[in-house]
Amino acid sequence: MIPDELTCKEAVHLVVAYLEQRLLPEVQARFEGHLAECPGCATYLEQIQQTIRLLRELAEEPLMQETTQERLELFRQWKNHL
């Protein structure tokens, strides 16, 4: 391995900083170079990005009134059994 190349373990540790655009330019270039050569790490990054997108979508969806009522009823039933 060339000394400037990242290992998969190092790349995984940089994912959050990469997504938050906090990597120094030279580290970002090494990270992106690793992704270009490592399908496993590229897939991992895509999965993290997809998870973030889905969580944002869920956070934006309003909770339907009937769902709230169902949860309250389940909680009451659970509490009555204690």
PDB file of N, CA and C in Angstrom:
ATOM      1  N   MET A   1       0.845  -1.179   0.000  1.00  0.00           N
ATOM      2  CA  MET A   1       0.000   0.000   0.000  1.00  0.00           C
ATOM      3  C   MET A   1       0.888   1.238   0.000  1.00  0.00           C
ATOM      4  N   ILE A   2       0.510   2.237  -0.777  1.00  0.00           N
ATOM      5  CA  ILE A   2       1.218   3.512  -0.816  1.00  0.00           C
ATOM      6  C   ILE A   2       0.920   4.246   0.491  1.00  0.00           C
ATOM      7  N   PRO A   3       1.933   4.878   1.114  1.00  0.00           N
ATOM      8  CA  PRO A   3       1.733   5.514   2.414  1.00  0.00           C
ATOM      9  C   PRO A   3       0.579   6.518   2.472  1.00  0.00           C
ATOM     10  N   ASP A   4       0.276   7.205   1.385  1.00  0.00           N
ATOM     11  CA  ASP A   4      -0.798   8.198   1.399  1.00  0.00           C
ATOM     12  C   ASP A   4      -2.185   7.595   1.231  1.00  0.00           C
ATOM     13  N   GLU A   5      -2.256   6.298   0.938  1.00  0.00           N
ATOM     14  CA  GLU A   5      -3.551   5.657   0.780  1.00  0.00           C
ATOM     15  C   GLU A   5      -4.162   5.379   2.144  1.00  0.00           C
ATOM     16  N   LEU A   6      -5.473   5.493   2.209  1.00  0.00           N
ATOM     17  CA  LEU A   6      -6.198   5.200   3.438  1.00  0.00           C
ATOM     18  C   LEU A   6      -6.556   3.731   3.499  1.00  0.00           C
ATOM     19  N   THR A   7      -6.634   3.201   4.700  1.00  0.00           N
ATOM     20  CA  THR A   7      -7.190   1.866   4.883  1.00  0.00           C
ATOM     21  C   THR A   7      -8.712   2.017   4.985  1.00  0.00           C
ATOM     22  N   CYS A   8      -9.421   0.925   4.863  1.00  0.00           N
ATOM     23  CA  CYS A   8     -10.876   0.965   5.003  1.00  0.00           C
ATOM     24  C   CYS A   8     -11.267   1.450   6.398  1.00  0.00           C
ATOM     25  N   LYS A   9     -10.550   1.002   7.401  1.00  0.00           N
ATOM     26  CA  LYS A   9     -10.846   1.419   8.773  1.00  0.00           C
ATOM     27  C   LYS A   9     -10.691   2.934   8.913  1.00  0.00           C
ATOM     28  N   GLU A  10      -9.638   3.492   8.344  1.00  0.00           N
ATOM     29  CA  GLU A  10      -9.436   4.939   8.397  1.00  0.00           C
ATOM     30  C   GLU A  10     -10.552   5.667   7.644  1.00  0.00           C
ATOM     31  N   ALA A  11     -10.930   5.136   6.486  1.00  0.00           N
ATOM     32  CA  ALA A  11     -11.979   5.761   5.680  1.00  0.00           C
ATOM     33  C   ALA A  11     -13.301   5.788   6.431  1.00  0.00           C
ATOM     34  N   VAL A  12     -13.644   4.685   7.082  1.00  0.00           N
ATOM     35  CA  VAL A  12     -14.899   4.620   7.842  1.00  0.00           C
ATOM     36  C   VAL A  12     -14.916   5.683   8.937  1.00  0.00           C
ATOM     37  N   HIS A  13     -13.777   5.896   9.577  1.00  0.00           N
ATOM     38  CA  HIS A  13     -13.696   6.902  10.634  1.00  0.00           C
ATOM     39  C   HIS A  13     -13.823   8.329  10.105  1.00  0.00           C
ATOM     40  N   LEU A  14     -13.630   8.529   8.815  1.00  0.00           N
ATOM     41  CA  LEU A  14     -13.690   9.865   8.221  1.00  0.00           C
ATOM     42  C   LEU A  14     -15.046  10.193   7.591  1.00  0.00           C
ATOM     43  N   VAL A  15     -15.942   9.227   7.543  1.00  0.00           N
ATOM     44  CA  VAL A  15     -17.211   9.417   6.833  1.00  0.00           C
ATOM     45  C   VAL A  15     -17.991  10.614   7.370  1.00  0.00           C
ATOM     46  N   VAL A  16     -18.160  10.728   8.659  1.00  0.00           N
ATOM     47  CA  VAL A  16     -18.957  11.828   9.224  1.00  0.00           C
ATOM     48  C   VAL A  16     -18.321  13.175   8.898  1.00  0.00           C
ATOM     49  N   ALA A  17     -17.022  13.288   9.099  1.00  0.00           N
ATOM     50  CA  ALA A  17     -16.331  14.541   8.789  1.00  0.00           C
ATOM     51  C   ALA A  17     -16.456  14.861   7.293  1.00  0.00           C
ATOM     52  N   TYR A  18     -16.408  13.843   6.457  1.00  0.00           N
ATOM     53  CA  TYR A  18     -16.556  14.038   5.015  1.00  0.00           C
ATOM     54  C   TYR A  18     -17.949  14.578   4.698  1.00  0.00           C
ATOM     55  N   LEU A  19     -18.965  13.957   5.267  1.00  0.00           N
ATOM     56  CA  LEU A  19     -20.335  14.391   5.001  1.00  0.00           C
ATOM     57  C   LEU A  19     -20.601  15.794   5.539  1.00  0.00           C
ATOM     58  N   GLU A  20     -19.925  16.159   6.607  1.00  0.00           N
ATOM     59  CA  GLU A  20     -20.076  17.500   7.177  1.00  0.00           C
ATOM     60  C   GLU A  20     -19.100  18.503   6.547  1.00  0.00           C
ATOM     61  N   GLN A  21     -18.360  18.044   5.560  1.00  0.00           N
ATOM     62  CA  GLN A  21     -17.400  18.867   4.818  1.00  0.00           C
ATOM     63  C   GLN A  21     -16.383  19.527   5.758  1.00  0.00           C
ATOM     64  N   ARG A  22     -15.847  18.699   6.677  1.00  0.00           N
ATOM     65  CA  ARG A  22     -14.870  19.190   7.642  1.00  0.00           C
ATOM     66  C   ARG A  22     -13.463  18.641   7.400  1.00  0.00           C
ATOM     67  N   LEU A  23     -13.258  17.927   6.307  1.00  0.00           N
ATOM     68  CA  LEU A  23     -11.933  17.373   6.029  1.00  0.00           C
ATOM     69  C   LEU A  23     -11.044  18.417   5.372  1.00  0.00           C
ATOM     70  N   LEU A  24      -9.774  18.384   5.725  1.00  0.00           N
ATOM     71  CA  LEU A  24      -8.806  19.220   5.026  1.00  0.00           C
ATOM     72  C   LEU A  24      -8.752  18.764   3.571  1.00  0.00           C
ATOM     73  N   PRO A  25      -8.463  19.671   2.646  1.00  0.00           N
ATOM     74  CA  PRO A  25      -8.472  19.307   1.226  1.00  0.00           C
ATOM     75  C   PRO A  25      -7.630  18.075   0.899  1.00  0.00           C
ATOM     76  N   GLU A  26      -6.439  17.962   1.490  1.00  0.00           N
ATOM     77  CA  GLU A  26      -5.596  16.804   1.171  1.00  0.00           C
ATOM     78  C   GLU A  26      -6.178  15.507   1.733  1.00  0.00           C
ATOM     79  N   VAL A  27      -6.833  15.581   2.881  1.00  0.00           N
ATOM     80  CA  VAL A  27      -7.463  14.380   3.455  1.00  0.00           C
ATOM     81  C   VAL A  27      -8.697  14.010   2.639  1.00  0.00           C
ATOM     82  N   GLN A  28      -9.451  15.014   2.220  1.00  0.00           N
ATOM     83  CA  GLN A  28     -10.619  14.758   1.380  1.00  0.00           C
ATOM     84  C   GLN A  28     -10.202  14.084   0.075  1.00  0.00           C
ATOM     85  N   ALA A  29      -9.117  14.538  -0.521  1.00  0.00           N
ATOM     86  CA  ALA A  29      -8.634  13.931  -1.766  1.00  0.00           C
ATOM     87  C   ALA A  29      -8.243  12.474  -1.532  1.00  0.00           C
ATOM     88  N   ARG A  30      -7.580  12.183  -0.419  1.00  0.00           N
ATOM     89  CA  ARG A  30      -7.209  10.796  -0.093  1.00  0.00           C
ATOM     90  C   ARG A  30      -8.463   9.953   0.132  1.00  0.00           C
ATOM     91  N   PHE A  31      -9.442  10.528   0.829  1.00  0.00           N
ATOM     92  CA  PHE A  31     -10.687   9.823   1.102  1.00  0.00           C
ATOM     93  C   PHE A  31     -11.413   9.499  -0.209  1.00  0.00           C
ATOM     94  N   GLU A  32     -11.561  10.483  -1.054  1.00  0.00           N
ATOM     95  CA  GLU A  32     -12.241  10.271  -2.332  1.00  0.00           C
ATOM     96  C   GLU A  32     -11.468   9.312  -3.234  1.00  0.00           C
ATOM     97  N   GLY A  33     -10.145   9.356  -3.154  1.00  0.00           N
ATOM     98  CA  GLY A  33      -9.334   8.389  -3.897  1.00  0.00           C
ATOM     99  C   GLY A  33      -9.587   6.976  -3.411  1.00  0.00           C
ATOM    100  N   HIS A  34      -9.707   6.812  -2.096  1.00  0.00           N
ATOM    101  CA  HIS A  34      -9.999   5.491  -1.539  1.00  0.00           C
ATOM    102  C   HIS A  34     -11.367   5.012  -2.018  1.00  0.00           C
ATOM    103  N   LEU A  35     -12.358   5.903  -1.985  1.00  0.00           N
ATOM    104  CA  LEU A  35     -13.707   5.525  -2.435  1.00  0.00           C
ATOM    105  C   LEU A  35     -13.712   5.081  -3.894  1.00  0.00           C
ATOM    106  N   ALA A  36     -12.902   5.739  -4.709  1.00  0.00           N
ATOM    107  CA  ALA A  36     -12.838   5.397  -6.137  1.00  0.00           C
ATOM    108  C   ALA A  36     -12.277   3.994  -6.354  1.00  0.00           C
ATOM    109  N   GLU A  37     -11.464   3.533  -5.420  1.00  0.00           N
ATOM    110  CA  GLU A  37     -10.817   2.228  -5.551  1.00  0.00           C
ATOM    111  C   GLU A  37     -11.452   1.128  -4.694  1.00  0.00           C
ATOM    112  N   CYS A  38     -12.337   1.510  -3.779  1.00  0.00           N
ATOM    113  CA  CYS A  38     -12.878   0.531  -2.832  1.00  0.00           C
ATOM    114  C   CYS A  38     -14.402   0.503  -2.895  1.00  0.00           C
ATOM    115  N   PRO A  39     -14.966  -0.462  -3.598  1.00  0.00           N
ATOM    116  CA  PRO A  39     -16.421  -0.525  -3.707  1.00  0.00           C
ATOM    117  C   PRO A  39     -17.117  -0.716  -2.358  1.00  0.00           C
ATOM    118  N   GLY A  40     -16.470  -1.408  -1.439  1.00  0.00           N
ATOM    119  CA  GLY A  40     -17.080  -1.630  -0.123  1.00  0.00           C
ATOM    120  C   GLY A  40     -17.265  -0.330   0.639  1.00  0.00           C
ATOM    121  N   CYS A  41     -16.244   0.503   0.646  1.00  0.00           N
ATOM    122  CA  CYS A  41     -16.333   1.786   1.346  1.00  0.00           C
ATOM    123  C   CYS A  41     -17.283   2.744   0.618  1.00  0.00           C
ATOM    124  N   ALA A  42     -17.291   2.685  -0.711  1.00  0.00           N
ATOM    125  CA  ALA A  42     -18.214   3.523  -1.480  1.00  0.00           C
ATOM    126  C   ALA A  42     -19.659   3.136  -1.156  1.00  0.00           C
ATOM    127  N   THR A  43     -19.916   1.846  -1.048  1.00  0.00           N
ATOM    128  CA  THR A  43     -21.249   1.366  -0.688  1.00  0.00           C
ATOM    129  C   THR A  43     -21.611   1.795   0.723  1.00  0.00           C
ATOM    130  N   TYR A  44     -20.650   1.713   1.645  1.00  0.00           N
ATOM    131  CA  TYR A  44     -20.882   2.126   3.022  1.00  0.00           C
ATOM    132  C   TYR A  44     -21.277   3.600   3.069  1.00  0.00           C
ATOM    133  N   LEU A  45     -20.561   4.445   2.346  1.00  0.00           N
ATOM    134  CA  LEU A  45     -20.880   5.869   2.302  1.00  0.00           C
ATOM    135  C   LEU A  45     -22.283   6.080   1.741  1.00  0.00           C
ATOM    136  N   GLU A  46     -22.628   5.385   0.685  1.00  0.00           N
ATOM    137  CA  GLU A  46     -23.965   5.501   0.091  1.00  0.00           C
ATOM    138  C   GLU A  46     -25.044   5.085   1.090  1.00  0.00           C
ATOM    139  N   GLN A  47     -24.791   4.030   1.856  1.00  0.00           N
ATOM    140  CA  GLN A  47     -25.759   3.578   2.854  1.00  0.00           C
ATOM    141  C   GLN A  47     -25.948   4.625   3.947  1.00  0.00           C
ATOM    142  N   ILE A  48     -24.874   5.247   4.386  1.00  0.00           N
ATOM    143  CA  ILE A  48     -24.968   6.293   5.406  1.00  0.00           C
ATOM    144  C   ILE A  48     -25.750   7.485   4.848  1.00  0.00           C
ATOM    145  N   GLN A  49     -25.462   7.872   3.610  1.00  0.00           N
ATOM    146  CA  GLN A  49     -26.180   8.984   2.996  1.00  0.00           C
ATOM    147  C   GLN A  49     -27.663   8.671   2.853  1.00  0.00           C
ATOM    148  N   GLN A  50     -27.989   7.452   2.462  1.00  0.00           N
ATOM    149  CA  GLN A  50     -29.385   7.056   2.318  1.00  0.00           C
ATOM    150  C   GLN A  50     -30.084   7.049   3.680  1.00  0.00           C
ATOM    151  N   THR A  51     -29.409   6.576   4.697  1.00  0.00           N
ATOM    152  CA  THR A  51     -29.983   6.565   6.048  1.00  0.00           C
ATOM    153  C   THR A  51     -30.292   7.990   6.498  1.00  0.00           C
ATOM    154  N   ILE A  52     -29.377   8.907   6.254  1.00  0.00           N
ATOM    155  CA  ILE A  52     -29.593  10.308   6.627  1.00  0.00           C
ATOM    156  C   ILE A  52     -30.793  10.880   5.883  1.00  0.00           C
ATOM    157  N   ARG A  53     -30.890  10.611   4.576  1.00  0.00           N
ATOM    158  CA  ARG A  53     -32.028  11.104   3.785  1.00  0.00           C
ATOM    159  C   ARG A  53     -33.343  10.564   4.328  1.00  0.00           C
ATOM    160  N   LEU A  54     -33.378   9.259   4.620  1.00  0.00           N
ATOM    161  CA  LEU A  54     -34.612   8.645   5.113  1.00  0.00           C
ATOM    162  C   LEU A  54     -35.000   9.182   6.483  1.00  0.00           C
ATOM    163  N   LEU A  55     -34.029   9.388   7.349  1.00  0.00           N
ATOM    164  CA  LEU A  55     -34.326   9.940   8.673  1.00  0.00           C
ATOM    165  C   LEU A  55     -34.852  11.370   8.568  1.00  0.00           C
ATOM    166  N   ARG A  56     -34.315  12.143   7.653  1.00  0.00           N
ATOM    167  CA  ARG A  56     -34.831  13.505   7.444  1.00  0.00           C
ATOM    168  C   ARG A  56     -36.271  13.463   6.941  1.00  0.00           C
ATOM    169  N   GLU A  57     -36.555  12.550   6.016  1.00  0.00           N
ATOM    170  CA  GLU A  57     -37.919  12.418   5.503  1.00  0.00           C
ATOM    171  C   GLU A  57     -38.879  12.016   6.618  1.00  0.00           C
ATOM    172  N   LEU A  58     -38.465  11.087   7.456  1.00  0.00           N
ATOM    173  CA  LEU A  58     -39.321  10.670   8.564  1.00  0.00           C
ATOM    174  C   LEU A  58     -39.578  11.815   9.534  1.00  0.00           C
ATOM    175  N   ALA A  59     -38.559  12.613   9.784  1.00  0.00           N
ATOM    176  CA  ALA A  59     -38.703  13.733  10.712  1.00  0.00           C
ATOM    177  C   ALA A  59     -39.667  14.782  10.165  1.00  0.00           C
ATOM    178  N   GLU A  60     -39.780  14.873   8.853  1.00  0.00           N
ATOM    179  CA  GLU A  60     -40.654  15.862   8.231  1.00  0.00           C
ATOM    180  C   GLU A  60     -42.107  15.389   8.140  1.00  0.00           C
ATOM    181  N   GLU A  61     -42.336  14.086   8.234  1.00  0.00           N
ATOM    182  CA  GLU A  61     -43.692  13.565   8.122  1.00  0.00           C
ATOM    183  C   GLU A  61     -44.455  13.816   9.408  1.00  0.00           C
ATOM    184  N   PRO A  62     -45.635  14.429   9.283  1.00  0.00           N
ATOM    185  CA  PRO A  62     -46.433  14.620  10.491  1.00  0.00           C
ATOM    186  C   PRO A  62     -46.998  13.285  10.970  1.00  0.00           C
ATOM    187  N   LEU A  63     -47.108  13.143  12.260  1.00  0.00           N
ATOM    188  CA  LEU A  63     -47.681  11.937  12.834  1.00  0.00           C
ATOM    189  C   LEU A  63     -49.191  12.029  12.690  1.00  0.00           C
ATOM    190  N   MET A  64     -49.778  11.036  12.067  1.00  0.00           N
ATOM    191  CA  MET A  64     -51.219  11.050  11.850  1.00  0.00           C
ATOM    192  C   MET A  64     -51.945  10.928  13.192  1.00  0.00           C
ATOM    193  N   GLN A  65     -53.063  11.613  13.296  1.00  0.00           N
ATOM    194  CA  GLN A  65     -53.823  11.639  14.545  1.00  0.00           C
ATOM    195  C   GLN A  65     -54.198  10.243  15.011  1.00  0.00           C
ATOM    196  N   GLU A  66     -54.631   9.377  14.089  1.00  0.00           N
ATOM    197  CA  GLU A  66     -55.021   8.033  14.518  1.00  0.00           C
ATOM    198  C   GLU A  66     -53.832   7.240  15.045  1.00  0.00           C
ATOM    199  N   THR A  67     -52.672   7.487  14.496  1.00  0.00           N
ATOM    200  CA  THR A  67     -51.471   6.817  14.992  1.00  0.00           C
ATOM    201  C   THR A  67     -51.182   7.259  16.421  1.00  0.00           C
ATOM    202  N   THR A  68     -51.331   8.536  16.677  1.00  0.00           N
ATOM    203  CA  THR A  68     -51.137   9.049  18.031  1.00  0.00           C
ATOM    204  C   THR A  68     -52.129   8.415  18.986  1.00  0.00           C
ATOM    205  N   GLN A  69     -53.371   8.333  18.588  1.00  0.00           N
ATOM    206  CA  GLN A  69     -54.409   7.742  19.441  1.00  0.00           C
ATOM    207  C   GLN A  69     -54.125   6.262  19.699  1.00  0.00           C
ATOM    208  N   GLU A  70     -53.699   5.548  18.662  1.00  0.00           N
ATOM    209  CA  GLU A  70     -53.372   4.127  18.831  1.00  0.00           C
ATOM    210  C   GLU A  70     -52.230   3.952  19.822  1.00  0.00           C
ATOM    211  N   ARG A  71     -51.228   4.792  19.725  1.00  0.00           N
ATOM    212  CA  ARG A  71     -50.087   4.695  20.645  1.00  0.00           C
ATOM    213  C   ARG A  71     -50.496   5.019  22.072  1.00  0.00           C
ATOM    214  N   LEU A  72     -51.344   6.027  22.233  1.00  0.00           N
ATOM    215  CA  LEU A  72     -51.823   6.355  23.571  1.00  0.00           C
ATOM    216  C   LEU A  72     -52.609   5.196  24.176  1.00  0.00           C
ATOM    217  N   GLU A  73     -53.421   4.567  23.368  1.00  0.00           N
ATOM    218  CA  GLU A  73     -54.205   3.428  23.857  1.00  0.00           C
ATOM    219  C   GLU A  73     -53.301   2.253  24.229  1.00  0.00           C
ATOM    220  N   LEU A  74     -52.314   1.974  23.404  1.00  0.00           N
ATOM    221  CA  LEU A  74     -51.374   0.905  23.732  1.00  0.00           C
ATOM    222  C   LEU A  74     -50.617   1.212  25.017  1.00  0.00           C
ATOM    223  N   PHE A  75     -50.252   2.470  25.202  1.00  0.00           N
ATOM    224  CA  PHE A  75     -49.558   2.853  26.430  1.00  0.00           C
ATOM    225  C   PHE A  75     -50.476   2.667  27.641  1.00  0.00           C
ATOM    226  N   ARG A  76     -51.728   3.072  27.513  1.00  0.00           N
ATOM    227  CA  ARG A  76     -52.670   2.902  28.628  1.00  0.00           C
ATOM    228  C   ARG A  76     -52.849   1.428  28.976  1.00  0.00           C
ATOM    229  N   GLN A  77     -52.969   0.595  27.969  1.00  0.00           N
ATOM    230  CA  GLN A  77     -53.122  -0.851  28.203  1.00  0.00           C
ATOM    231  C   GLN A  77     -51.887  -1.403  28.905  1.00  0.00           C
ATOM    232  N   TRP A  78     -50.722  -1.005  28.434  1.00  0.00           N
ATOM    233  CA  TRP A  78     -49.483  -1.467  29.040  1.00  0.00           C
ATOM    234  C   TRP A  78     -49.393  -1.019  30.493  1.00  0.00           C
ATOM    235  N   LYS A  79     -49.746   0.237  30.737  1.00  0.00           N
ATOM    236  CA  LYS A  79     -49.656   0.800  32.081  1.00  0.00           C
ATOM    237  C   LYS A  79     -50.624   0.114  33.031  1.00  0.00           C
ATOM    238  N   ASN A  80     -51.796  -0.245  32.541  1.00  0.00           N
ATOM    239  CA  ASN A  80     -52.792  -0.928  33.376  1.00  0.00           C
ATOM    240  C   ASN A  80     -52.357  -2.333  33.772  1.00  0.00           C
ATOM    241  N   HIS A  81     -51.459  -2.922  33.025  1.00  0.00           N
ATOM    242  CA  HIS A  81     -50.968  -4.288  33.314  1.00  0.00           C
ATOM    243  C   HIS A  81     -49.795  -4.288  34.276  1.00  0.00           C
ATOM    244  N   LEU A  82     -49.308  -3.129  34.657  1.00  0.00           N
ATOM    245  CA  LEU A  82     -48.156  -3.076  35.591  1.00  0.00           C
ATOM    246  C   LEU A  82     -48.559  -3.372  37.006  1.00  0.00           C
TER     247      LEU A  82
END
